[in-house]
Amino acid sequence: MIPLSSEYDHLRNFSSSLKRIIVLNKMDLANRSEIKEWMRYFEQQNCISFGVNSHNKDNIKESLFLKFLQARVKELKKIDHSSYTATIMLVGIPNVGKSALANSLHQIGRISAAEKGKLKHAVVSPIPGETKDISSLKVCFRWLPSKLMKRIGSHPNVYVLDTPGILPPDILDVEMCSKLALTGAVNDCLVGEKELAQYFLATLNLSDEYKKWEKLCTEENERSTTDDRLRFLGRSELDAKRKRQYPTDHTQDFVVHDARRTLFETISSFHGDLEKEKDLSRLIETQFTALQEVFRVASESGEDAEHKVAAKLLNLYRTGRLGHYTLDSLPRNIQ
C-alpha cells in the first residue's frame, strides 16, 4: 500500500461542489497495524477514507465504504427526484484496482436488486494501463436503483465511472518510482526486475515482518523427522508424497514455506549493521544466492539466474505470500 506515492497532486484541485473520497485499496496486502494509522491521518486532513480489497466482493459488500455510498444514495432518494443522477468517478494511478472496484460494486448492486440481464465488466489486468477509455457501469442496491457507466441506483440514478490510470509525465523521485513499480503501477522495466527485488528485500530486512516466520525453522525440523519416518516405513509413501510436489513451481506452498524460512534465517543470522548501505547490500546478495537454491534456479544460468529469482520473488510479494507491507511511512507531523 502506497497512500502518498500513489497520490496525484492534480487530483487535489477539485471543485468544492464535489465530494472526494480516498479509497485505500489492496488492504489485504498492506501492513494491518498501519492501516488504522493511515485512516487517522486522512481524518486529520479532513478527508473521507476507506480501506477495501476490491477483488473480494464479500469484503466490498461488508465494507464501510459501501455503507457510506448507500447512505449517500438514500439521502438522494429522500429528495424524490426520480430524474436525478449521481456519478461516482474512480480516479487514480494505473493498476490500483479501479476497474475491479467498479466491477464489484456493479455485481453486488445487480444481485442485491435482483436485476436481470447480462453483467458488464471493466477489463481487469495485472498490467498497468489496460483501461484505455472512460466507461460506465450500472450498480443497483436493494432499496435503490442500480453501464460501464456502472449504475448503482435507479431512483435516483447512480453510476460509477471507471477511468484510465493517470500519472505525471515525469517521476523524478527514484524511491517513489520504485514503490510505484513494485506495486504494479508502472512497468517493471522502468526500474528493472532485479532492482525491484532488491528494493523489496531491503524493505523486508528493515521491517519486523520476517519475525513472523520464526516457527518455520521448528516446523522444518519436524518435517525432516516426518520424512525420516516415511523412509523407515517404505520409499513408496515418500515417493508418493514427492510426486505431488513440483519444486520448480515457486507458488506451491512448500516452496513458499522454504522461501520464508530461508529469508528468516538469513536475516536473523546476519551480524552486520542494516542501517549501513554496504551491509544491507551484502545481506541482499546472500539472500539472492540462497533463494536461487530454494526456487531451483540452475546456477549455470549466470546473470539470468538472478533475474529468474527476482521474477519469482516479486510474484510472491505481489500476491501477499511474503508478508504485508505499507511502503510509505506516515508523515512525521501526524499527531
Protein backbone atom coordinates (compact mmCIF):
# COMPACT_ATOMS: atom_id res chain seq x y z
CA MET A 1 0.00 0.00 0.00
CA ILE A 2 1.40 3.39 -1.01
CA PRO A 3 -1.09 6.06 0.21
CA LEU A 4 1.19 9.00 -0.58
CA SER A 5 3.28 7.75 -3.51
CA SER A 6 0.09 6.82 -5.36
CA GLU A 7 -1.43 10.29 -4.92
CA TYR A 8 -1.53 12.51 -7.99
CA ASP A 9 -1.21 16.17 -6.98
CA HIS A 10 -3.59 17.48 -9.66
CA LEU A 11 -6.40 15.42 -8.10
CA ARG A 12 -6.33 17.72 -5.09
CA ASN A 13 -7.70 20.60 -7.18
CA PHE A 14 -11.31 19.57 -7.47
CA SER A 15 -14.47 21.65 -7.37
CA SER A 16 -15.93 22.40 -3.96
CA SER A 17 -19.23 21.00 -5.24
CA LEU A 18 -17.64 17.55 -5.48
CA LYS A 19 -17.02 15.17 -2.61
CA ARG A 20 -13.61 13.50 -2.60
CA ILE A 21 -13.33 10.03 -1.09
CA ILE A 22 -9.96 8.31 -0.66
CA VAL A 23 -10.17 4.54 -1.17
CA LEU A 24 -7.18 2.62 0.19
CA ASN A 25 -7.34 -0.49 -1.97
CA LYS A 26 -5.36 -3.74 -1.68
CA MET A 27 -5.58 -3.53 2.08
CA ASP A 28 -5.21 -7.33 2.12
CA LEU A 29 -1.57 -6.76 1.09
CA ALA A 30 -0.90 -3.89 3.49
CA ASN A 31 0.54 -3.91 6.98
CA ARG A 32 -2.61 -4.33 9.03
CA SER A 33 -1.26 -2.46 12.05
CA GLU A 34 -0.66 0.65 9.92
CA ILE A 35 -3.98 0.80 8.07
CA LYS A 36 -5.78 2.40 11.03
CA GLU A 37 -2.95 4.93 11.42
CA TRP A 38 -3.33 5.97 7.80
CA MET A 39 -7.09 6.28 8.22
CA ARG A 40 -6.49 8.51 11.23
CA TYR A 41 -4.01 10.58 9.23
CA PHE A 42 -6.51 11.23 6.45
CA GLU A 43 -9.18 12.06 9.01
CA GLN A 44 -6.85 14.73 10.40
CA GLN A 45 -6.55 16.10 6.85
CA ASN A 46 -10.36 16.35 6.75
CA CYS A 47 -10.53 13.61 4.11
CA ILE A 48 -13.02 10.75 3.97
CA SER A 49 -11.14 7.47 3.58
CA PHE A 50 -11.96 3.76 3.49
CA GLY A 51 -9.88 0.59 3.23
CA VAL A 52 -11.06 -2.12 0.83
CA ASN A 53 -9.99 -5.18 -1.14
CA SER A 54 -11.67 -4.56 -4.50
CA HIS A 55 -11.05 -8.10 -5.79
CA ASN A 56 -13.07 -9.56 -2.92
CA LYS A 57 -16.80 -8.90 -3.39
CA ASP A 58 -17.55 -10.12 0.13
CA ASN A 59 -15.10 -7.55 1.50
CA ILE A 60 -16.76 -4.78 -0.51
CA LYS A 61 -20.21 -5.97 0.50
CA GLU A 62 -19.38 -5.69 4.20
CA SER A 63 -17.24 -2.58 3.92
CA LEU A 64 -17.89 0.81 5.48
CA PHE A 65 -17.24 2.22 2.00
CA LEU A 66 -20.34 0.53 0.59
CA LYS A 67 -22.42 1.52 3.60
CA PHE A 68 -21.26 5.12 3.08
CA LEU A 69 -22.36 5.05 -0.58
CA GLN A 70 -25.70 3.51 0.36
CA ALA A 71 -26.31 6.21 2.94
CA ARG A 72 -25.49 8.99 0.45
CA VAL A 73 -27.80 7.49 -2.17
CA LYS A 74 -30.53 7.06 0.42
CA GLU A 75 -30.31 10.80 1.07
CA LEU A 76 -30.82 11.43 -2.64
CA LYS A 77 -33.83 9.17 -2.61
CA LYS A 78 -35.43 11.30 0.11
CA ILE A 79 -35.24 14.25 -2.25
CA ASP A 80 -37.56 12.21 -4.50
CA HIS A 81 -36.01 13.38 -7.76
CA SER A 82 -36.52 10.36 -9.99
CA SER A 83 -34.57 12.08 -12.77
CA TYR A 84 -31.65 12.97 -10.51
CA THR A 85 -28.37 11.32 -11.50
CA ALA A 86 -25.33 11.00 -9.26
CA THR A 87 -21.93 9.93 -10.57
CA ILE A 88 -19.05 8.30 -8.74
CA MET A 89 -15.81 8.69 -10.74
CA LEU A 90 -12.95 6.34 -9.87
CA VAL A 91 -9.73 8.26 -10.50
CA GLY A 92 -6.13 7.35 -9.71
CA ILE A 93 -2.81 6.00 -10.93
CA PRO A 94 -2.70 2.80 -13.06
CA ASN A 95 -3.27 -0.66 -11.64
CA VAL A 96 -4.62 0.29 -8.22
CA GLY A 97 -7.89 -1.62 -8.64
CA LYS A 98 -10.28 0.99 -10.06
CA SER A 99 -11.78 -1.45 -12.59
CA ALA A 100 -12.01 -4.23 -10.02
CA LEU A 101 -13.82 -1.90 -7.63
CA ALA A 102 -16.24 -0.81 -10.36
CA ASN A 103 -16.95 -4.47 -11.19
CA SER A 104 -17.53 -5.40 -7.56
CA LEU A 105 -19.95 -2.51 -6.96
CA HIS A 106 -21.78 -3.37 -10.18
CA GLN A 107 -22.12 -7.06 -9.37
CA ILE A 108 -23.10 -6.55 -5.74
CA GLY A 109 -25.69 -3.95 -6.71
CA ARG A 110 -27.24 -6.00 -9.51
CA ILE A 111 -27.50 -9.10 -7.34
CA SER A 112 -28.99 -7.26 -4.33
CA ALA A 113 -31.56 -5.57 -6.56
CA ALA A 114 -32.37 -8.88 -8.30
CA GLU A 115 -31.84 -7.17 -11.66
CA LYS A 116 -31.81 -9.41 -14.71
CA GLY A 117 -29.64 -9.09 -17.77
CA LYS A 118 -26.02 -9.63 -18.67
CA LEU A 119 -23.47 -8.11 -16.31
CA LYS A 120 -20.99 -5.68 -17.77
CA HIS A 121 -17.34 -5.92 -16.87
CA ALA A 122 -14.49 -3.47 -16.82
CA VAL A 123 -11.29 -5.11 -18.05
CA VAL A 124 -9.09 -6.07 -15.09
CA SER A 125 -5.41 -6.84 -15.67
CA PRO A 126 -2.20 -7.02 -13.60
CA ILE A 127 -0.55 -5.00 -16.37
CA PRO A 128 -0.78 -1.22 -15.83
CA GLY A 129 -2.56 0.87 -18.45
CA GLU A 130 -5.11 -1.74 -19.56
CA THR A 131 -8.07 0.63 -19.22
CA LYS A 132 -7.95 2.96 -22.26
CA ASP A 133 -11.27 4.84 -22.08
CA ILE A 134 -13.73 6.18 -19.56
CA SER A 135 -16.50 3.61 -19.19
CA SER A 136 -19.69 3.49 -17.19
CA LEU A 137 -21.28 0.69 -15.16
CA LYS A 138 -24.73 0.37 -13.65
CA VAL A 139 -24.91 -0.56 -9.98
CA CYS A 140 -28.11 -1.27 -8.03
CA PHE A 141 -28.77 -1.72 -4.33
CA ARG A 142 -31.82 -3.47 -2.92
CA TRP A 143 -33.65 -0.33 -1.85
CA LEU A 144 -32.26 1.93 -4.53
CA PRO A 145 -31.74 1.86 -8.27
CA SER A 146 -28.59 0.41 -9.63
CA LYS A 147 -23.45 0.81 -17.93
CA LEU A 148 -19.56 0.81 -17.87
CA MET A 149 -21.13 3.99 -16.51
CA LYS A 150 -21.79 1.31 -13.73
CA ARG A 151 -25.13 2.17 -12.30
CA ILE A 152 -25.55 1.98 -8.55
CA GLY A 153 -29.13 3.12 -8.33
CA SER A 154 -32.21 3.80 -10.43
CA HIS A 155 -34.37 6.19 -8.43
CA PRO A 156 -32.22 8.25 -8.16
CA ASN A 157 -29.86 7.13 -10.91
CA VAL A 158 -26.34 6.44 -9.70
CA TYR A 159 -23.43 5.47 -11.93
CA VAL A 160 -19.80 4.52 -11.39
CA LEU A 161 -17.29 5.74 -13.96
CA ASP A 162 -14.18 3.65 -14.47
CA THR A 163 -11.31 5.73 -15.85
CA PRO A 164 -7.81 5.11 -17.25
CA GLY A 165 -4.96 5.46 -14.80
CA ILE A 166 -3.13 8.78 -14.75
CA LEU A 167 0.46 9.58 -13.86
CA PRO A 168 2.61 12.71 -14.07
CA PRO A 169 4.79 12.75 -17.22
CA ASP A 170 7.97 12.59 -15.14
CA ILE A 171 8.68 10.84 -11.83
CA LEU A 172 11.94 12.31 -10.58
CA ASP A 173 11.94 10.68 -7.16
CA VAL A 174 13.80 7.35 -7.58
CA GLU A 175 12.35 5.78 -4.43
CA MET A 176 8.80 6.78 -5.38
CA CYS A 177 9.32 5.27 -8.83
CA SER A 178 10.50 2.04 -7.16
CA LYS A 179 7.39 1.95 -4.98
CA LEU A 180 5.11 2.52 -7.97
CA ALA A 181 6.83 -0.24 -9.94
CA LEU A 182 6.90 -2.66 -7.00
CA THR A 183 3.14 -2.30 -6.57
CA GLY A 184 2.50 -2.60 -10.32
CA ALA A 185 1.50 0.98 -11.13
CA VAL A 186 4.27 1.26 -13.76
CA ASN A 187 6.06 -1.41 -15.76
CA ASP A 188 8.93 -3.27 -14.09
CA CYS A 189 11.26 -2.41 -16.97
CA LEU A 190 11.33 1.23 -15.87
CA VAL A 191 13.29 0.17 -12.80
CA GLY A 192 14.39 -3.40 -13.54
CA GLU A 193 13.20 -6.69 -12.04
CA LYS A 194 16.41 -7.34 -10.16
CA GLU A 195 16.48 -3.81 -8.75
CA LEU A 196 12.83 -4.12 -7.67
CA ALA A 197 13.51 -7.43 -5.95
CA GLN A 198 16.47 -5.83 -4.16
CA TYR A 199 14.21 -2.95 -3.08
CA PHE A 200 11.67 -5.42 -1.70
CA LEU A 201 14.35 -7.35 0.19
CA ALA A 202 15.64 -4.10 1.67
CA THR A 203 12.10 -3.31 2.83
CA LEU A 204 11.72 -6.78 4.34
CA ASN A 205 15.13 -6.71 6.03
CA LEU A 206 14.40 -3.39 7.73
CA SER A 207 10.95 -4.46 8.93
CA ASP A 208 9.74 -6.90 11.58
CA GLU A 209 7.66 -8.90 9.11
CA TYR A 210 10.22 -11.71 8.85
CA LYS A 211 9.94 -12.41 12.60
CA LYS A 212 6.55 -14.00 11.98
CA TRP A 213 8.33 -16.85 10.23
CA GLU A 214 10.46 -17.93 13.19
CA LYS A 215 8.33 -21.01 13.84
CA LEU A 216 9.07 -22.27 10.33
CA CYS A 217 12.50 -23.37 11.48
CA THR A 218 10.88 -25.63 14.08
CA GLU A 219 8.40 -26.91 11.51
CA GLU A 220 11.30 -27.69 9.16
CA ASN A 221 12.86 -29.94 11.79
CA GLU A 222 9.50 -31.64 12.31
CA ARG A 223 9.15 -32.14 8.56
CA SER A 224 12.60 -33.75 8.42
CA THR A 225 11.55 -36.11 11.22
CA THR A 226 8.40 -36.99 9.25
CA ASP A 227 10.45 -37.74 6.12
CA ASP A 228 12.75 -39.95 8.18
CA ARG A 229 9.70 -41.83 9.46
CA LEU A 230 8.42 -42.28 5.91
CA ARG A 231 11.79 -43.66 4.85
CA PHE A 232 11.53 -46.14 7.69
CA LEU A 233 8.01 -47.16 6.64
CA GLY A 234 8.94 -47.52 2.99
CA ARG A 235 10.05 -45.50 -0.01
CA SER A 236 6.68 -45.89 -1.74
CA GLU A 237 4.96 -43.50 0.67
CA LEU A 238 7.81 -40.99 0.46
CA ASP A 239 7.85 -41.18 -3.34
CA ALA A 240 4.07 -40.69 -3.46
CA LYS A 241 4.44 -37.56 -1.33
CA ARG A 242 7.18 -36.15 -3.55
CA LYS A 243 5.25 -36.82 -6.76
CA ARG A 244 2.62 -34.36 -5.57
CA GLN A 245 5.27 -31.66 -5.36
CA TYR A 246 6.66 -29.60 -8.24
CA PRO A 247 9.88 -27.98 -6.97
CA THR A 248 10.21 -25.60 -9.92
CA ASP A 249 6.75 -24.10 -9.26
CA HIS A 250 7.53 -21.30 -6.80
CA THR A 251 3.84 -20.80 -5.96
CA GLN A 252 3.49 -24.20 -4.27
CA ASP A 253 3.05 -23.97 -0.53
CA PHE A 254 6.18 -25.95 0.34
CA VAL A 255 8.35 -23.69 -1.85
CA VAL A 256 6.82 -20.55 -0.30
CA HIS A 257 7.41 -22.13 3.12
CA ASP A 258 11.09 -22.70 2.24
CA ALA A 259 11.45 -19.14 0.90
CA ARG A 260 10.07 -17.68 4.14
CA ARG A 261 12.27 -19.90 6.27
CA THR A 262 15.36 -19.03 4.21
CA LEU A 263 14.67 -15.31 4.46
CA PHE A 264 14.17 -15.57 8.21
CA GLU A 265 17.41 -17.49 8.69
CA THR A 266 19.49 -15.14 6.53
CA ILE A 267 18.20 -12.04 8.34
CA SER A 268 18.32 -13.38 11.90
CA SER A 269 21.84 -14.78 11.48
CA PHE A 270 23.23 -11.62 9.87
CA HIS A 271 25.62 -9.67 12.12
CA GLY A 272 26.11 -6.52 10.08
CA ASP A 273 24.50 -3.12 10.56
CA LEU A 274 21.45 -2.97 8.30
CA GLU A 275 21.38 0.81 8.59
CA LYS A 276 24.59 0.84 6.56
CA GLU A 277 24.01 0.52 2.82
CA LYS A 278 27.07 -1.66 2.29
CA ASP A 279 25.99 -4.20 4.92
CA LEU A 280 22.42 -4.22 3.66
CA SER A 281 23.63 -4.88 0.11
CA ARG A 282 25.77 -7.75 1.38
CA LEU A 283 22.76 -9.38 3.06
CA ILE A 284 20.63 -8.97 -0.08
CA GLU A 285 23.36 -10.64 -2.14
CA THR A 286 23.39 -13.56 0.33
CA GLN A 287 19.59 -13.83 0.10
CA PHE A 288 19.67 -13.93 -3.71
CA THR A 289 22.12 -16.83 -3.57
CA ALA A 290 20.05 -18.71 -1.00
CA LEU A 291 16.77 -18.14 -2.89
CA GLN A 292 18.34 -19.43 -6.08
CA GLU A 293 18.50 -22.84 -4.41
CA VAL A 294 15.01 -22.52 -2.93
CA PHE A 295 13.50 -21.68 -6.33
CA ARG A 296 15.53 -24.43 -8.06
CA VAL A 297 17.19 -22.00 -10.45
CA ALA A 298 20.24 -23.51 -12.15
CA SER A 299 23.44 -21.77 -11.05
CA GLU A 300 24.99 -22.04 -14.51
CA SER A 301 22.38 -19.56 -15.76
CA GLY A 302 24.67 -16.76 -14.58
CA GLU A 303 23.11 -13.31 -14.59
CA ASP A 304 19.90 -14.80 -15.99
CA ALA A 305 19.56 -16.78 -12.76
CA GLU A 306 19.31 -13.57 -10.74
CA HIS A 307 16.51 -12.31 -12.99
CA LYS A 308 14.63 -15.61 -12.57
CA VAL A 309 14.97 -15.39 -8.80
CA ALA A 310 13.83 -11.75 -8.91
CA ALA A 311 10.74 -12.57 -11.01
CA LYS A 312 9.66 -15.37 -8.65
CA LEU A 313 10.32 -13.24 -5.58
CA LEU A 314 8.30 -10.30 -6.95
CA ASN A 315 5.40 -12.59 -7.78
CA LEU A 316 5.26 -13.93 -4.23
CA TYR A 317 5.45 -10.42 -2.80
CA ARG A 318 2.69 -9.08 -5.06
CA THR A 319 0.36 -11.94 -4.15
CA GLY A 320 0.84 -11.35 -0.42
CA ARG A 321 2.69 -14.59 0.27
CA LEU A 322 5.77 -12.93 1.73
CA GLY A 323 4.04 -10.74 4.28
CA HIS A 324 2.12 -7.48 4.36
CA TYR A 325 3.77 -4.12 3.78
CA THR A 326 2.93 -0.44 3.68
CA LEU A 327 5.77 1.06 1.67
CA ASP A 328 5.00 4.68 2.55
CA SER A 329 5.82 5.97 6.02
CA LEU A 330 3.35 8.15 7.87
CA PRO A 331 4.25 11.87 7.74
CA ARG A 332 6.12 12.90 10.86
CA ASN A 333 3.72 15.71 11.71
CA ILE A 334 0.88 13.28 12.44
CA GLN A 335 -0.49 13.82 15.92
